[in-house]
Amino acid sequence: MRKTVIALGVFCFLVALNNTFAQISENRNALTYKFLISDYNGPLTDSYFDTDNFTYGGEMKYTRFLNRSFNLGIPLRLGRVEYPSSDSLSSPTESLFASGDLTIIYKLNNGYLFKETSIIAPYLFAGIGGNYVFDLDDSNFDAQVPAGLGFDIKLAKNVRLQLQSEYRYSLVNEFNNLRHTAGLKFMFGGGNKIKKEEEEEVSADTDGDGIDDVTDKCPDKAGLAKFSGCPDTDSDGIQDSNDECPDVAGVARFKGCPDSDGDGIADKDDKCPDKAGTRALNGCPAVDTDRDGINDDKDKCPEKRGLTRFDGCPDSDGDGTPDPDDKCPATIGSKDAGGCPDTDKDGITDKEDKCPTTPGIAEKDGCPEEPVNNTVIITNPGPTVTLPANPISTTTTITTEVQEVMDYAMRSVRFETGSSTLKTSSYTVLDQVADVLLTNGIYSLSIEGHTDALGDDKRNMKLSESRAKACFDYLVKKGIDESRMSYIGYGEERPIGDNNRTKGREKNRRVEFNIFLR
């Protein structure tokens, strides 16, 4: 996109300086006063017509006539702008901005495409400009490349109604934007007289390309001097007669055909021309069905998103044992017990242990040979369960107060922009979570990281997991046993808000603390 816009601006500028036409207007100046609408959210979310994204300002533009087809435009603008929230900016930022551009305007009513006397005069433009934001903490200045379309509608002899829309590509910050203007154009400096210039016809030029038929190798088709008058339709530097793809810009390596994805395979031979791939797969990339960053040919669990250290298999309960090897994949356990919990560490898993909190022997189904004084045997309709006489807590349910602590933590834990570094304000919030776990030994915790949908999918997935792990590590330092917790990142897969809205994206950037009974 950047190369295309810059190339368009340079092309228009060079043609304007070098092109000579038969008629030159003596009305050489104009001032335009317009109302301005800016939109920084639309290009990010594809919501181009959502007025909730609009901010407003004003524009004054000076226009200088160059020749029959080209004008020079210098617009100056002042207004407000709302930078959208993302992992680069933690919240929406509305600021005052000032900007100025230098643009080349190509008039379509130059007598070749539309009549010069048309009431409605369309034009195209491109150029380079600068945008200065007064209230932004850093990166106040932003170089931008504008390109767009406009219309001059005749109201009176020297007055026009001007309507214009443009797309602005940002060269410094990440935020491209749209701007729309409407206002009045006042022309001055010599009236509307037309000055005729004499042209000398050197010889016949059938195709009108400026090359005499005598020396033109393609006299019936407009072409270029460097190809002796023959055309290069796609402007790729390879004349049509030698170009296997004359209507699509390409490279000499592939005889004028393009390689859009840059994988070394020409588009005409590439089954996946928009995605870089390999010759072995006819230009298509390796498949990653579960989008966990591990290609299916190396993924032991290709249909379930997993972790690199487990060759692509998940560890649902976060106990360090991958699900295929975990006999209790939904319950935090130990590696020695095949992923199942063994609370009393007597080598007998809790589901087979009739005294899961008191070390015992296999012959007694996990119970000790003789009951000890500090235990109480509770008989239920199911198997007998042995509990300590004085457990850490008698809690058997998740109370409203505990759930409120977890919900508050989800809303309040914050990180430095674009990283997994906890802000200091998050420490007191996580301390409350730690207190709940320290005073209620029967609780376990699942920590889940989430992001909004802006940016690269894989980067968001990695960032969400890193943020969940940062909370996990903090709680471990506060004395919480690792076996009672797990962490995982879901990236942008589980939104709770609308990613096309600023407030919705803010809701989606979160870490959830899901507490449950062990």
Protein backbone atom coordinates (compact mmCIF):
# COMPACT_ATOMS: atom_id res chain seq x y z
CA MET A 1 0.00 0.00 0.00
CA ARG A 2 2.80 2.44 0.97
CA LYS A 3 4.68 1.91 -2.32
CA THR A 4 1.52 2.36 -4.39
CA VAL A 5 0.50 5.65 -2.73
CA ILE A 6 4.03 7.13 -2.86
CA ALA A 7 4.42 6.09 -6.51
CA LEU A 8 1.12 7.78 -7.39
CA GLY A 9 2.21 11.02 -5.70
CA VAL A 10 5.63 11.06 -7.44
CA PHE A 11 4.05 10.22 -10.83
CA CYS A 12 1.55 13.08 -10.61
CA PHE A 13 4.25 15.55 -9.53
CA LEU A 14 6.68 14.67 -12.37
CA VAL A 15 3.99 14.71 -15.05
CA ALA A 16 2.76 18.10 -13.82
CA LEU A 17 6.24 19.61 -14.19
CA ASN A 18 7.00 18.14 -17.60
CA ASN A 19 3.66 18.09 -19.47
CA THR A 20 2.86 20.96 -21.90
CA PHE A 21 -0.66 21.60 -23.17
CA ALA A 22 -2.25 23.73 -25.85
CA GLN A 23 -4.29 25.98 -23.53
CA ILE A 24 -3.20 27.81 -20.34
CA SER A 25 -5.74 29.52 -18.08
CA GLU A 26 -4.90 33.03 -16.86
CA ASN A 27 -7.05 32.53 -13.74
CA ARG A 28 -4.18 31.06 -11.72
CA ASN A 29 -5.17 31.22 -8.02
CA ALA A 30 -7.95 30.00 -5.72
CA LEU A 31 -8.73 29.94 -1.98
CA THR A 32 -11.06 27.30 -0.53
CA TYR A 33 -12.68 27.35 2.93
CA LYS A 34 -14.09 24.00 4.03
CA PHE A 35 -15.63 22.04 6.90
CA LEU A 36 -13.49 19.02 7.90
CA ILE A 37 -14.41 15.50 9.15
CA SER A 38 -11.62 13.16 10.39
CA ASP A 39 -11.97 9.40 10.98
CA TYR A 40 -9.15 7.34 12.52
CA ASN A 41 -11.32 4.34 13.51
CA GLY A 42 -12.76 3.50 10.07
CA PRO A 43 -9.55 2.17 8.41
CA LEU A 44 -8.86 -0.06 11.45
CA THR A 45 -12.33 -1.56 11.80
CA ASP A 46 -13.71 -1.24 8.24
CA SER A 47 -16.60 0.83 9.69
CA TYR A 48 -16.15 3.68 7.20
CA PHE A 49 -19.65 5.11 7.54
CA ASP A 50 -20.01 5.01 11.33
CA THR A 51 -20.53 8.63 12.42
CA ASP A 52 -19.56 7.70 15.99
CA ASN A 53 -15.96 7.63 14.70
CA PHE A 54 -16.04 11.21 13.30
CA THR A 55 -14.26 14.26 14.73
CA TYR A 56 -14.45 17.75 13.25
CA GLY A 57 -12.42 20.81 12.26
CA GLY A 58 -11.78 23.27 9.46
CA GLU A 59 -9.56 23.65 6.37
CA MET A 60 -8.21 26.49 4.24
CA LYS A 61 -6.54 25.54 0.94
CA TYR A 62 -4.54 27.59 -1.55
CA THR A 63 -4.59 26.29 -5.14
CA ARG A 64 -2.17 27.35 -7.90
CA PHE A 65 -2.87 26.65 -11.59
CA LEU A 66 0.05 24.86 -13.32
CA ASN A 67 -1.40 23.83 -16.69
CA ARG A 68 -4.54 22.46 -18.29
CA SER A 69 -4.38 19.17 -16.40
CA PHE A 70 -2.55 19.94 -13.14
CA ASN A 71 -2.87 22.25 -10.15
CA LEU A 72 -0.74 22.61 -7.02
CA GLY A 73 -2.70 22.44 -3.72
CA ILE A 74 -1.57 23.52 -0.23
CA PRO A 75 -4.27 22.74 2.39
CA LEU A 76 -3.92 23.80 6.06
CA ARG A 77 -6.17 22.16 8.69
CA LEU A 78 -7.02 22.54 12.36
CA GLY A 79 -9.36 20.30 14.34
CA ARG A 80 -9.76 17.49 16.82
CA VAL A 81 -8.78 13.87 16.32
CA GLU A 82 -9.55 10.67 18.24
CA TYR A 83 -6.79 8.08 18.07
CA PRO A 84 -8.40 4.63 18.59
CA SER A 85 -7.36 2.42 21.52
CA SER A 86 -5.15 -0.59 20.81
CA ASP A 87 -2.13 -2.33 22.29
CA SER A 88 -0.16 0.76 21.17
CA LEU A 89 -2.50 3.15 23.04
CA SER A 90 -4.16 1.80 26.18
CA SER A 91 -7.25 4.00 25.72
CA PRO A 92 -8.78 6.29 23.06
CA THR A 93 -6.97 9.63 22.83
CA GLU A 94 -8.80 12.76 21.65
CA SER A 95 -6.46 15.67 20.88
CA LEU A 96 -6.17 18.90 18.94
CA PHE A 97 -4.20 18.61 15.69
CA ALA A 98 -2.81 20.88 12.97
CA SER A 99 -1.69 19.66 9.56
CA GLY A 100 -0.47 20.86 6.19
CA ASP A 101 0.05 19.13 2.82
CA LEU A 102 1.67 19.70 -0.55
CA THR A 103 -0.45 17.99 -3.22
CA ILE A 104 -0.58 17.66 -6.99
CA ILE A 105 -4.14 17.78 -8.38
CA TYR A 106 -4.98 16.07 -11.68
CA LYS A 107 -8.06 17.65 -13.28
CA LEU A 108 -10.17 15.16 -15.18
CA ASN A 109 -11.99 17.96 -17.08
CA ASN A 110 -8.85 18.79 -19.09
CA GLY A 111 -10.46 18.32 -22.46
CA TYR A 112 -9.23 14.76 -22.83
CA LEU A 113 -11.48 12.92 -20.33
CA PHE A 114 -14.20 15.53 -19.62
CA LYS A 115 -15.03 18.89 -21.20
CA GLU A 116 -13.37 21.91 -19.64
CA THR A 117 -16.76 23.66 -19.58
CA SER A 118 -18.44 20.95 -17.48
CA ILE A 119 -20.50 22.16 -14.49
CA ILE A 120 -19.13 19.28 -12.41
CA ALA A 121 -15.33 18.98 -12.59
CA PRO A 122 -13.87 15.84 -10.97
CA TYR A 123 -10.21 15.60 -9.94
CA LEU A 124 -7.70 13.21 -8.38
CA PHE A 125 -4.86 14.21 -6.05
CA ALA A 126 -1.89 12.84 -4.13
CA GLY A 127 1.01 14.30 -2.19
CA ILE A 128 2.87 14.40 1.11
CA GLY A 129 1.94 16.08 4.38
CA GLY A 130 2.53 16.42 8.09
CA ASN A 131 0.20 16.04 11.07
CA TYR A 132 1.03 17.51 14.51
CA VAL A 133 -0.96 16.41 17.59
CA PHE A 134 -0.71 18.82 20.54
CA ASP A 135 -1.90 16.62 23.43
CA LEU A 136 -0.20 13.30 22.61
CA ASP A 137 2.51 12.20 25.08
CA ASP A 138 4.93 11.13 22.33
CA SER A 139 5.12 10.87 18.53
CA ASN A 140 3.44 14.29 18.21
CA PHE A 141 4.49 14.68 14.56
CA ASP A 142 3.26 12.20 11.98
CA ALA A 143 4.28 12.28 8.30
CA GLN A 144 1.38 11.20 6.08
CA VAL A 145 0.73 10.49 2.38
CA PRO A 146 -2.73 11.67 1.22
CA ALA A 147 -4.54 10.48 -1.91
CA GLY A 148 -8.13 10.96 -2.91
CA LEU A 149 -10.96 12.21 -5.13
CA GLY A 150 -12.86 15.49 -5.28
CA PHE A 151 -15.45 17.47 -7.27
CA ASP A 152 -15.74 21.17 -8.12
CA ILE A 153 -19.35 22.14 -8.81
CA LYS A 154 -19.88 25.51 -10.53
CA LEU A 155 -22.11 27.94 -8.56
CA ALA A 156 -21.06 31.26 -10.14
CA LYS A 157 -18.42 32.68 -12.48
CA ASN A 158 -15.53 32.37 -9.99
CA VAL A 159 -17.19 30.35 -7.20
CA ARG A 160 -17.27 26.58 -6.87
CA LEU A 161 -18.69 24.13 -4.30
CA GLN A 162 -15.89 21.69 -3.53
CA LEU A 163 -16.48 18.16 -2.11
CA GLN A 164 -13.48 15.96 -1.33
CA SER A 165 -12.57 12.63 0.35
CA GLU A 166 -9.09 11.29 0.97
CA TYR A 167 -7.26 8.32 2.49
CA ARG A 168 -4.13 9.24 4.47
CA TYR A 169 -1.36 6.68 4.90
CA SER A 170 0.66 7.22 8.11
CA LEU A 171 4.47 6.92 7.72
CA VAL A 172 5.31 7.28 11.45
CA ASN A 173 2.47 6.03 13.64
CA GLU A 174 0.26 2.99 13.08
CA PHE A 175 -2.92 4.95 12.40
CA ASN A 176 -4.06 5.52 8.83
CA ASN A 177 -7.13 7.74 8.55
CA LEU A 178 -9.86 9.22 6.38
CA ARG A 179 -10.70 12.89 5.90
CA HIS A 180 -13.76 14.39 4.21
CA THR A 181 -14.25 18.11 3.44
CA ALA A 182 -16.92 20.36 1.94
CA GLY A 183 -16.80 24.13 1.28
CA LEU A 184 -16.54 27.02 -1.17
CA LYS A 185 -13.71 27.71 -3.64
CA PHE A 186 -13.05 31.33 -4.76
CA MET A 187 -10.91 31.86 -7.90
CA PHE A 188 -8.94 35.03 -8.66
CA GLY A 189 -6.00 36.39 -10.64
CA GLY A 190 -6.89 37.23 -14.25
CA GLY A 191 -10.46 36.05 -14.78
CA ASN A 192 -11.46 33.12 -16.98
CA LYS A 193 -9.63 34.05 -20.21
CA ILE A 194 -7.93 31.30 -22.21
CA LYS A 195 -4.55 31.94 -23.73
CA LYS A 196 -3.81 30.05 -26.92
CA GLU A 197 -0.32 28.73 -27.51
CA GLU A 198 0.92 27.75 -30.94
CA GLU A 199 2.06 24.21 -31.45
CA GLU A 200 4.34 23.10 -34.24
CA GLU A 201 3.46 19.75 -35.76
CA VAL A 202 6.78 18.13 -36.58
CA SER A 203 5.40 15.07 -38.35
CA ALA A 204 2.55 12.58 -38.31
CA ASP A 205 1.96 10.80 -34.98
CA THR A 206 -0.97 8.42 -35.51
CA ASP A 207 -1.18 7.09 -31.94
CA GLY A 208 -0.50 10.47 -30.30
CA ASP A 209 2.33 9.21 -28.09
CA GLY A 210 4.78 11.96 -29.09
CA ILE A 211 6.88 9.67 -31.27
CA ASP A 212 6.89 10.19 -35.05
CA ASP A 213 5.42 7.35 -37.08
CA VAL A 214 8.72 7.15 -38.99
CA THR A 215 10.59 5.99 -35.84
CA ASP A 216 7.62 4.41 -33.98
CA LYS A 217 7.82 0.59 -33.98
CA CYS A 218 4.17 0.48 -32.83
CA PRO A 219 2.60 3.44 -34.70
CA ASP A 220 -0.98 2.31 -34.03
CA LYS A 221 -0.57 1.93 -30.24
CA ALA A 222 0.51 4.71 -27.89
CA GLY A 223 3.78 3.71 -26.26
CA LEU A 224 6.98 4.90 -24.63
CA ALA A 225 10.13 6.39 -26.09
CA LYS A 226 12.39 3.85 -24.31
CA PHE A 227 10.54 1.06 -26.15
CA SER A 228 10.62 2.92 -29.51
CA GLY A 229 6.92 3.77 -29.25
CA CYS A 230 5.67 0.36 -28.14
CA PRO A 231 3.41 0.16 -25.07
CA ASP A 232 4.00 -1.14 -21.55
CA THR A 233 0.36 -1.46 -20.46
CA ASP A 234 1.03 -2.47 -16.86
CA SER A 235 3.97 -0.03 -16.41
CA ASP A 236 6.29 -2.71 -15.05
CA GLY A 237 9.25 -1.78 -17.27
CA ILE A 238 8.70 -4.69 -19.66
CA GLN A 239 7.13 -3.89 -23.03
CA ASP A 240 3.97 -5.80 -23.90
CA SER A 241 5.55 -7.87 -26.69
CA ASN A 242 7.96 -9.44 -24.17
CA ASP A 243 5.51 -9.52 -21.26
CA GLU A 244 3.69 -12.82 -20.52
CA CYS A 245 1.32 -10.89 -18.20
CA PRO A 246 0.92 -7.55 -20.04
CA ASP A 247 -2.09 -6.38 -18.02
CA VAL A 248 -0.60 -7.04 -14.54
CA ALA A 249 2.59 -5.42 -13.26
CA GLY A 250 5.30 -8.01 -12.68
CA VAL A 251 9.06 -8.54 -12.62
CA ALA A 252 11.64 -9.45 -15.25
CA ARG A 253 12.52 -12.65 -13.36
CA PHE A 254 9.08 -14.05 -14.22
CA LYS A 255 8.89 -12.47 -17.72
CA GLY A 256 6.60 -9.66 -16.57
CA CYS A 257 4.34 -11.74 -14.33
CA PRO A 258 3.89 -10.88 -10.63
CA ASP A 259 4.76 -12.82 -7.49
CA SER A 260 2.27 -11.18 -5.09
CA ASP A 261 3.23 -13.16 -1.98
CA GLY A 262 6.99 -13.03 -2.63
CA ASP A 263 7.49 -16.79 -2.30
CA GLY A 264 9.50 -17.15 -5.52
CA ILE A 265 6.61 -18.67 -7.49
CA ALA A 266 4.87 -16.58 -10.18
CA ASP A 267 1.17 -15.97 -9.56
CA LYS A 268 0.18 -17.83 -12.72
CA ASP A 269 1.82 -20.98 -11.34
CA ASP A 270 0.89 -20.35 -7.69
CA LYS A 271 -2.25 -22.06 -6.29
CA CYS A 272 -2.15 -19.67 -3.31
CA PRO A 273 -0.92 -16.38 -4.87
CA ASP A 274 -1.87 -14.27 -1.83
CA LYS A 275 -0.10 -16.47 0.76
CA ALA A 276 3.62 -17.30 0.78
CA GLY A 277 4.16 -21.02 0.39
CA THR A 278 6.56 -23.66 -0.88
CA ARG A 279 7.14 -25.31 -4.24
CA ALA A 280 6.37 -28.68 -2.68
CA LEU A 281 2.82 -27.43 -1.97
CA ASN A 282 2.48 -25.54 -5.34
CA GLY A 283 2.92 -22.17 -3.65
CA CYS A 284 0.56 -22.82 -0.75
CA PRO A 285 1.67 -22.48 2.89
CA ALA A 286 1.82 -25.27 5.43
CA VAL A 287 -1.52 -25.69 7.22
CA ASP A 288 -2.02 -24.83 10.91
CA THR A 289 -5.61 -25.97 11.51
CA ASP A 290 -5.81 -25.02 15.19
CA ARG A 291 -3.89 -21.71 14.73
CA ASP A 292 -1.48 -22.44 17.56
CA GLY A 293 1.64 -21.51 15.57
CA ILE A 294 2.64 -25.14 14.94
CA ASN A 295 2.05 -26.51 11.44
CA ASP A 296 -0.07 -29.65 11.19
CA ASP A 297 2.83 -31.76 9.93
CA LYS A 298 4.65 -31.13 13.23
CA ASP A 299 1.60 -30.84 15.50
CA LYS A 300 0.75 -33.94 17.58
CA CYS A 301 -2.71 -32.44 18.24
CA PRO A 302 -3.46 -30.61 14.93
CA GLU A 303 -7.14 -29.94 15.69
CA LYS A 304 -6.68 -28.62 19.24
CA ARG A 305 -4.72 -25.46 20.01
CA GLY A 306 -1.79 -26.34 22.22
CA LEU A 307 1.65 -25.35 23.43
CA THR A 308 5.04 -25.55 21.74
CA ARG A 309 6.62 -27.41 24.66
CA PHE A 310 4.03 -30.17 24.23
CA ASP A 311 4.42 -30.38 20.41
CA GLY A 312 1.10 -28.60 19.84
CA CYS A 313 -0.99 -30.51 22.39
CA PRO A 314 -2.97 -28.63 25.05
CA ASP A 315 -2.65 -28.82 28.82
CA SER A 316 -6.22 -27.91 29.77
CA ASP A 317 -5.70 -27.92 33.53
CA GLY A 318 -2.22 -26.34 33.40
CA ASP A 319 -0.60 -29.01 35.57
CA GLY A 320 2.37 -29.65 33.27
CA THR A 321 0.99 -32.89 31.81
CA PRO A 322 -0.32 -32.61 28.22
CA ASP A 323 -3.91 -33.79 27.71
CA PRO A 324 -3.04 -36.95 25.68
CA ASP A 325 -0.92 -38.19 28.64
CA ASP A 326 -3.19 -36.76 31.35
CA LYS A 327 -5.57 -39.27 32.96
CA CYS A 328 -7.39 -36.32 34.60
CA PRO A 329 -7.16 -33.58 31.91
CA ALA A 330 -9.73 -31.32 33.61
CA THR A 331 -8.21 -31.51 37.11
CA ILE A 332 -4.85 -30.18 38.28
CA GLY A 333 -2.64 -33.10 39.20
CA SER A 334 0.96 -34.25 39.34
CA LYS A 335 3.16 -35.78 36.65
CA ASP A 336 3.98 -38.75 38.89
CA ALA A 337 0.25 -39.58 39.13
CA GLY A 338 -0.35 -39.32 35.39
CA GLY A 339 -1.83 -35.84 35.67
CA CYS A 340 -4.34 -36.76 38.39
CA PRO A 341 -4.33 -35.12 41.83
CA ASP A 342 -2.77 -36.91 44.79
CA THR A 343 -3.45 -34.49 47.64
CA ASP A 344 -1.76 -36.53 50.38
CA LYS A 345 1.12 -37.57 48.06
CA ASP A 346 0.86 -41.23 49.06
CA GLY A 347 1.13 -42.46 45.47
CA ILE A 348 -2.62 -43.17 45.20
CA THR A 349 -4.65 -40.72 43.10
CA ASP A 350 -7.54 -38.94 44.80
CA LYS A 351 -10.18 -40.65 42.67
CA GLU A 352 -8.91 -44.06 43.90
CA ASP A 353 -8.00 -42.88 47.43
CA LYS A 354 -10.66 -43.34 50.12
CA CYS A 355 -8.60 -41.06 52.40
CA PRO A 356 -7.38 -38.46 49.84
CA THR A 357 -6.06 -35.96 52.43
CA THR A 358 -4.30 -38.50 54.72
CA PRO A 359 -1.29 -40.57 53.55
CA GLY A 360 -2.13 -44.25 53.48
CA ILE A 361 -1.32 -47.55 51.84
CA ALA A 362 -2.65 -49.34 48.77
CA GLU A 363 -3.92 -52.29 50.82
CA LYS A 364 -6.25 -49.89 52.66
CA ASP A 365 -7.28 -48.03 49.44
CA GLY A 366 -5.16 -45.05 50.44
CA CYS A 367 -6.12 -44.97 54.13
CA PRO A 368 -3.57 -45.47 56.96
CA GLU A 369 -3.22 -48.83 58.70
CA GLU A 370 -4.64 -47.32 61.91
CA PRO A 371 -6.80 -44.16 62.19
CA VAL A 372 -4.77 -41.26 63.62
CA ASN A 373 -6.01 -38.86 66.30
CA ASN A 374 -5.94 -35.80 64.06
CA THR A 375 -8.32 -37.20 61.43
CA VAL A 376 -12.07 -37.47 61.20
CA ILE A 377 -13.70 -40.15 59.01
CA ILE A 378 -16.82 -38.91 57.24
CA THR A 379 -19.07 -41.53 55.72
CA ASN A 380 -21.18 -40.53 52.72
CA PRO A 381 -23.45 -42.56 50.43
CA GLY A 382 -20.34 -42.72 48.18
CA PRO A 383 -16.77 -43.70 49.18
CA THR A 384 -15.34 -42.82 52.61
CA VAL A 385 -13.37 -39.49 52.63
CA THR A 386 -10.75 -38.56 55.22
CA LEU A 387 -10.21 -34.82 55.98
CA PRO A 388 -7.81 -33.09 58.40
CA ALA A 389 -9.43 -32.37 61.80
CA ASN A 390 -8.46 -28.69 61.41
CA PRO A 391 -8.47 -27.84 57.67
CA ILE A 392 -7.36 -24.42 56.47
CA SER A 393 -10.95 -23.50 55.74
CA THR A 394 -14.35 -25.12 56.07
CA THR A 395 -15.54 -23.40 52.88
CA THR A 396 -17.34 -25.78 50.51
CA THR A 397 -18.77 -23.20 48.09
CA ILE A 398 -17.56 -20.14 46.21
CA THR A 399 -19.09 -17.19 48.07
CA THR A 400 -20.41 -14.00 46.49
CA GLU A 401 -17.62 -12.02 48.19
CA VAL A 402 -14.91 -14.25 46.67
CA GLN A 403 -16.46 -14.02 43.18
CA GLU A 404 -16.59 -10.22 43.49
CA VAL A 405 -12.84 -10.20 44.19
CA MET A 406 -12.24 -12.21 40.99
CA ASP A 407 -14.55 -9.98 38.90
CA TYR A 408 -12.85 -6.85 40.25
CA ALA A 409 -9.45 -8.32 39.37
CA MET A 410 -10.59 -8.94 35.76
CA ARG A 411 -11.59 -5.28 35.41
CA SER A 412 -8.62 -3.79 37.26
CA VAL A 413 -5.42 -5.71 36.40
CA ARG A 414 -3.50 -3.60 33.88
CA PHE A 415 -0.22 -3.91 31.94
CA GLU A 416 2.27 -1.56 30.32
CA THR A 417 1.27 -0.78 26.70
CA GLY A 418 2.01 -3.64 24.30
CA SER A 419 3.79 -5.78 26.94
CA SER A 420 3.18 -8.31 29.74
CA THR A 421 4.72 -6.07 32.44
CA LEU A 422 2.22 -5.49 35.26
CA LYS A 423 1.48 -1.90 36.21
CA THR A 424 2.18 -1.17 39.88
CA SER A 425 -1.52 -0.39 40.39
CA SER A 426 -2.23 -4.09 39.71
CA TYR A 427 -0.20 -5.34 42.70
CA THR A 428 -2.84 -4.54 45.33
CA VAL A 429 -5.52 -6.17 43.15
CA LEU A 430 -3.52 -9.40 42.81
CA ASP A 431 -2.74 -9.31 46.55
CA GLN A 432 -6.50 -9.61 47.19
CA VAL A 433 -6.63 -12.68 44.92
CA ALA A 434 -3.67 -14.18 46.78
CA ASP A 435 -5.38 -13.59 50.17
CA VAL A 436 -8.45 -15.53 48.98
CA LEU A 437 -6.33 -18.53 47.95
CA LEU A 438 -4.14 -18.43 51.07
CA THR A 439 -7.14 -18.47 53.43
CA ASN A 440 -9.15 -21.03 51.45
CA GLY A 441 -7.02 -24.09 50.68
CA ILE A 442 -9.90 -25.80 48.91
CA TYR A 443 -9.87 -23.25 46.04
CA SER A 444 -7.96 -23.55 42.73
CA LEU A 445 -7.56 -20.86 40.08
CA SER A 446 -7.53 -20.76 36.26
CA ILE A 447 -5.99 -17.59 34.77
CA GLU A 448 -7.02 -16.70 31.18
CA GLY A 449 -5.52 -13.91 29.03
CA HIS A 450 -7.48 -12.16 26.25
CA THR A 451 -6.83 -9.34 23.71
CA ASP A 452 -8.85 -7.31 21.21
CA ALA A 453 -8.85 -8.09 17.46
CA LEU A 454 -6.40 -5.37 16.37
CA GLY A 455 -2.99 -6.47 15.15
CA ASP A 456 -1.49 -9.84 14.20
CA ASP A 457 -3.38 -12.96 15.42
CA LYS A 458 -0.27 -14.88 16.49
CA ARG A 459 1.19 -11.87 18.29
CA ASN A 460 -2.10 -11.37 20.19
CA MET A 461 -2.12 -15.06 21.17
CA LYS A 462 1.44 -14.84 22.51
CA LEU A 463 0.75 -11.56 24.34
CA SER A 464 -2.39 -12.94 26.03
CA GLU A 465 -0.51 -16.01 27.31
CA SER A 466 2.41 -13.86 28.54
CA ARG A 467 0.02 -11.62 30.49
CA ALA A 468 -1.74 -14.60 32.08
CA LYS A 469 1.66 -16.04 33.07
CA ALA A 470 2.71 -12.70 34.61
CA CYS A 471 -0.28 -12.93 36.98
CA PHE A 472 0.50 -16.62 37.64
CA ASP A 473 4.14 -15.80 38.54
CA TYR A 474 3.09 -12.94 40.84
CA LEU A 475 0.73 -15.20 42.81
CA VAL A 476 3.44 -17.88 43.11
CA LYS A 477 5.72 -15.25 44.67
CA LYS A 478 2.91 -14.50 47.14
CA GLY A 479 3.02 -18.12 48.36
CA ILE A 480 0.38 -19.83 46.21
CA ASP A 481 1.36 -23.41 45.24
CA GLU A 482 1.77 -23.78 41.45
CA SER A 483 -0.28 -27.00 41.55
CA ARG A 484 -3.36 -24.97 42.54
CA MET A 485 -3.23 -22.71 39.47
CA SER A 486 -3.07 -22.85 35.69
CA TYR A 487 -2.73 -20.20 32.99
CA ILE A 488 -3.56 -19.99 29.27
CA GLY A 489 -3.89 -17.35 26.54
CA TYR A 490 -6.81 -17.15 24.11
CA GLY A 491 -5.73 -14.08 22.12
CA GLU A 492 -8.70 -12.56 20.31
CA GLU A 493 -10.74 -15.81 20.13
CA ARG A 494 -13.18 -15.10 23.01
CA PRO A 495 -14.42 -11.48 22.81
CA ILE A 496 -17.02 -10.15 25.26
CA GLY A 497 -17.42 -6.82 23.44
CA ASP A 498 -17.75 -5.52 19.86
CA ASN A 499 -14.26 -5.26 18.31
CA ASN A 500 -15.60 -2.62 15.89
CA ARG A 501 -16.20 -0.26 18.83
CA THR A 502 -13.67 1.44 21.08
CA LYS A 503 -15.44 0.42 24.31
CA GLY A 504 -15.89 -3.13 23.03
CA ARG A 505 -12.17 -3.50 22.30
CA GLU A 506 -11.40 -2.15 25.78
CA LYS A 507 -13.58 -4.87 27.35
CA ASN A 508 -11.85 -7.55 25.31
CA ARG A 509 -8.37 -6.62 26.66
CA ARG A 510 -8.58 -8.46 29.99
CA VAL A 511 -7.28 -11.24 32.25
CA GLU A 512 -9.98 -13.48 33.78
CA PHE A 513 -9.57 -15.19 37.18
CA ASN A 514 -11.81 -18.27 37.29
CA ILE A 515 -11.90 -19.82 40.77
CA PHE A 516 -13.23 -23.33 41.44
CA LEU A 517 -13.26 -25.99 44.16
CA ARG A 518 -10.40 -28.48 44.08
